[in-house]
Amino acid sequence: MIDRDQLKKAVVALLDSLAAEHPLGHQDSKAARYVLTTSGGARIELMFEKNAQVPANL
């Protein structure tokens, strides 16, 4: 079974491969910020909680 920390690392790795870092950048240990561009050209801003003590929030 995968633990919360492993899940979060896997999600961050996936987002790193699919999305661009947000212009404001990532927050060191709190959250990773991204911008995804859809096939239609729309930009979607995402923030993913990285802190191991809290649930995985997108």
N, C-alpha and C. Protein backbone atom coordinates (compact mmCIF):
# COMPACT_ATOMS: atom_id res chain seq x y z
N MET A 1 0.84 -1.18 0.00
CA MET A 1 0.00 0.00 0.00
C MET A 1 0.89 1.25 0.00
N ILE A 2 0.48 2.27 -0.71
CA ILE A 2 1.23 3.51 -0.81
C ILE A 2 0.83 4.44 0.35
N ASP A 3 1.82 5.11 0.96
CA ASP A 3 1.49 6.02 2.05
C ASP A 3 1.29 7.44 1.48
N ARG A 4 0.83 8.34 2.33
CA ARG A 4 0.50 9.70 1.91
C ARG A 4 1.70 10.41 1.29
N ASP A 5 2.86 10.28 1.89
CA ASP A 5 4.04 10.97 1.37
C ASP A 5 4.41 10.45 -0.02
N GLN A 6 4.35 9.15 -0.22
CA GLN A 6 4.66 8.57 -1.53
C GLN A 6 3.64 9.04 -2.58
N LEU A 7 2.36 9.09 -2.18
CA LEU A 7 1.31 9.55 -3.09
C LEU A 7 1.57 10.99 -3.51
N LYS A 8 1.88 11.84 -2.54
CA LYS A 8 2.13 13.25 -2.86
C LYS A 8 3.34 13.41 -3.77
N LYS A 9 4.39 12.66 -3.53
CA LYS A 9 5.57 12.74 -4.40
C LYS A 9 5.24 12.29 -5.82
N ALA A 10 4.41 11.27 -5.94
CA ALA A 10 4.01 10.78 -7.27
C ALA A 10 3.15 11.82 -7.99
N VAL A 11 2.24 12.46 -7.27
CA VAL A 11 1.40 13.49 -7.89
C VAL A 11 2.24 14.67 -8.33
N VAL A 12 3.17 15.12 -7.49
CA VAL A 12 4.04 16.24 -7.85
C VAL A 12 4.87 15.87 -9.09
N ALA A 13 5.38 14.66 -9.16
CA ALA A 13 6.16 14.23 -10.32
C ALA A 13 5.30 14.25 -11.59
N LEU A 14 4.05 13.80 -11.48
CA LEU A 14 3.14 13.82 -12.63
C LEU A 14 2.84 15.25 -13.06
N LEU A 15 2.54 16.11 -12.09
CA LEU A 15 2.27 17.51 -12.43
C LEU A 15 3.50 18.19 -13.02
N ASP A 16 4.68 17.86 -12.50
CA ASP A 16 5.92 18.41 -13.05
C ASP A 16 6.08 18.05 -14.53
N SER A 17 5.63 16.86 -14.90
CA SER A 17 5.79 16.40 -16.29
C SER A 17 4.70 16.94 -17.22
N LEU A 18 3.54 17.33 -16.66
CA LEU A 18 2.41 17.74 -17.50
C LEU A 18 2.12 19.23 -17.50
N ALA A 19 2.56 19.94 -16.49
CA ALA A 19 2.18 21.34 -16.33
C ALA A 19 3.43 22.22 -16.18
N ALA A 20 3.23 23.50 -16.39
CA ALA A 20 4.30 24.48 -16.19
C ALA A 20 4.21 25.03 -14.77
N GLU A 21 5.36 25.38 -14.23
CA GLU A 21 5.35 26.01 -12.91
C GLU A 21 4.64 27.37 -13.01
N HIS A 22 3.81 27.66 -12.04
CA HIS A 22 3.09 28.93 -11.98
C HIS A 22 4.09 30.08 -11.94
N PRO A 23 3.76 31.23 -12.54
CA PRO A 23 4.69 32.37 -12.50
C PRO A 23 5.08 32.80 -11.08
N LEU A 24 4.23 32.56 -10.09
CA LEU A 24 4.56 32.88 -8.71
C LEU A 24 5.49 31.84 -8.08
N GLY A 25 5.68 30.73 -8.76
CA GLY A 25 6.57 29.67 -8.27
C GLY A 25 5.91 28.77 -7.25
N HIS A 26 6.68 27.79 -6.79
CA HIS A 26 6.22 26.85 -5.78
C HIS A 26 6.54 27.40 -4.39
N GLN A 27 5.79 26.93 -3.40
CA GLN A 27 6.10 27.22 -2.01
C GLN A 27 6.92 26.04 -1.51
N ASP A 28 8.08 26.30 -0.93
CA ASP A 28 9.04 25.25 -0.60
C ASP A 28 8.44 23.97 -0.05
N SER A 29 7.86 24.00 1.12
CA SER A 29 7.36 22.76 1.73
C SER A 29 5.85 22.72 1.83
N LYS A 30 5.17 23.75 1.37
CA LYS A 30 3.72 23.82 1.55
C LYS A 30 2.93 23.38 0.32
N ALA A 31 3.18 24.02 -0.81
CA ALA A 31 2.36 23.73 -1.99
C ALA A 31 3.16 23.93 -3.26
N ALA A 32 2.77 23.20 -4.27
CA ALA A 32 3.34 23.36 -5.61
C ALA A 32 2.27 24.02 -6.47
N ARG A 33 2.65 25.06 -7.19
CA ARG A 33 1.70 25.80 -8.02
C ARG A 33 2.03 25.55 -9.49
N TYR A 34 0.98 25.29 -10.26
CA TYR A 34 1.13 24.95 -11.68
C TYR A 34 0.12 25.69 -12.54
N VAL A 35 0.43 25.72 -13.84
CA VAL A 35 -0.51 26.19 -14.85
C VAL A 35 -0.58 25.08 -15.90
N LEU A 36 -1.78 24.55 -16.10
CA LEU A 36 -2.04 23.57 -17.15
C LEU A 36 -2.71 24.28 -18.31
N THR A 37 -2.35 23.93 -19.52
CA THR A 37 -3.00 24.49 -20.70
C THR A 37 -3.79 23.38 -21.38
N THR A 38 -5.08 23.62 -21.56
CA THR A 38 -5.94 22.61 -22.17
C THR A 38 -5.68 22.53 -23.67
N SER A 39 -6.22 21.51 -24.30
CA SER A 39 -6.05 21.37 -25.75
C SER A 39 -6.70 22.53 -26.50
N GLY A 40 -7.68 23.18 -25.88
CA GLY A 40 -8.33 24.34 -26.49
C GLY A 40 -7.61 25.65 -26.19
N GLY A 41 -6.53 25.59 -25.41
CA GLY A 41 -5.74 26.78 -25.12
C GLY A 41 -6.08 27.48 -23.81
N ALA A 42 -7.08 26.99 -23.09
CA ALA A 42 -7.43 27.60 -21.81
C ALA A 42 -6.37 27.27 -20.78
N ARG A 43 -6.07 28.23 -19.92
CA ARG A 43 -5.07 28.03 -18.86
C ARG A 43 -5.80 27.76 -17.54
N ILE A 44 -5.39 26.71 -16.85
CA ILE A 44 -5.98 26.32 -15.58
C ILE A 44 -4.89 26.37 -14.52
N GLU A 45 -5.13 27.15 -13.47
CA GLU A 45 -4.16 27.25 -12.38
C GLU A 45 -4.47 26.21 -11.31
N LEU A 46 -3.45 25.49 -10.87
CA LEU A 46 -3.59 24.46 -9.85
C LEU A 46 -2.61 24.71 -8.71
N MET A 47 -3.01 24.30 -7.53
CA MET A 47 -2.13 24.35 -6.38
C MET A 47 -2.27 23.00 -5.67
N PHE A 48 -1.15 22.32 -5.43
CA PHE A 48 -1.19 21.01 -4.81
C PHE A 48 -0.46 21.05 -3.47
N GLU A 49 -1.14 20.65 -2.40
CA GLU A 49 -0.59 20.64 -1.05
C GLU A 49 0.46 19.54 -0.92
N LYS A 50 1.70 19.93 -0.53
CA LYS A 50 2.80 18.97 -0.42
C LYS A 50 3.08 18.53 1.02
N ASN A 51 2.63 19.28 2.00
CA ASN A 51 2.91 19.00 3.41
C ASN A 51 2.44 17.60 3.77
N ALA A 52 3.32 16.80 4.35
CA ALA A 52 3.01 15.39 4.66
C ALA A 52 1.98 15.24 5.76
N GLN A 53 1.75 16.26 6.58
CA GLN A 53 0.81 16.14 7.70
C GLN A 53 -0.65 16.38 7.31
N VAL A 54 -0.91 16.84 6.12
CA VAL A 54 -2.29 17.14 5.71
C VAL A 54 -2.69 16.27 4.53
N PRO A 55 -4.00 16.11 4.30
CA PRO A 55 -4.47 15.33 3.17
C PRO A 55 -4.00 15.93 1.83
N ALA A 56 -4.00 15.13 0.82
CA ALA A 56 -3.59 15.58 -0.52
C ALA A 56 -4.70 16.42 -1.13
N ASN A 57 -4.53 17.73 -1.14
CA ASN A 57 -5.52 18.66 -1.68
C ASN A 57 -5.03 19.24 -2.99
N LEU A 58 -5.94 19.32 -3.96
CA LEU A 58 -5.63 19.91 -5.25
C LEU A 58 -6.48 21.14 -5.40
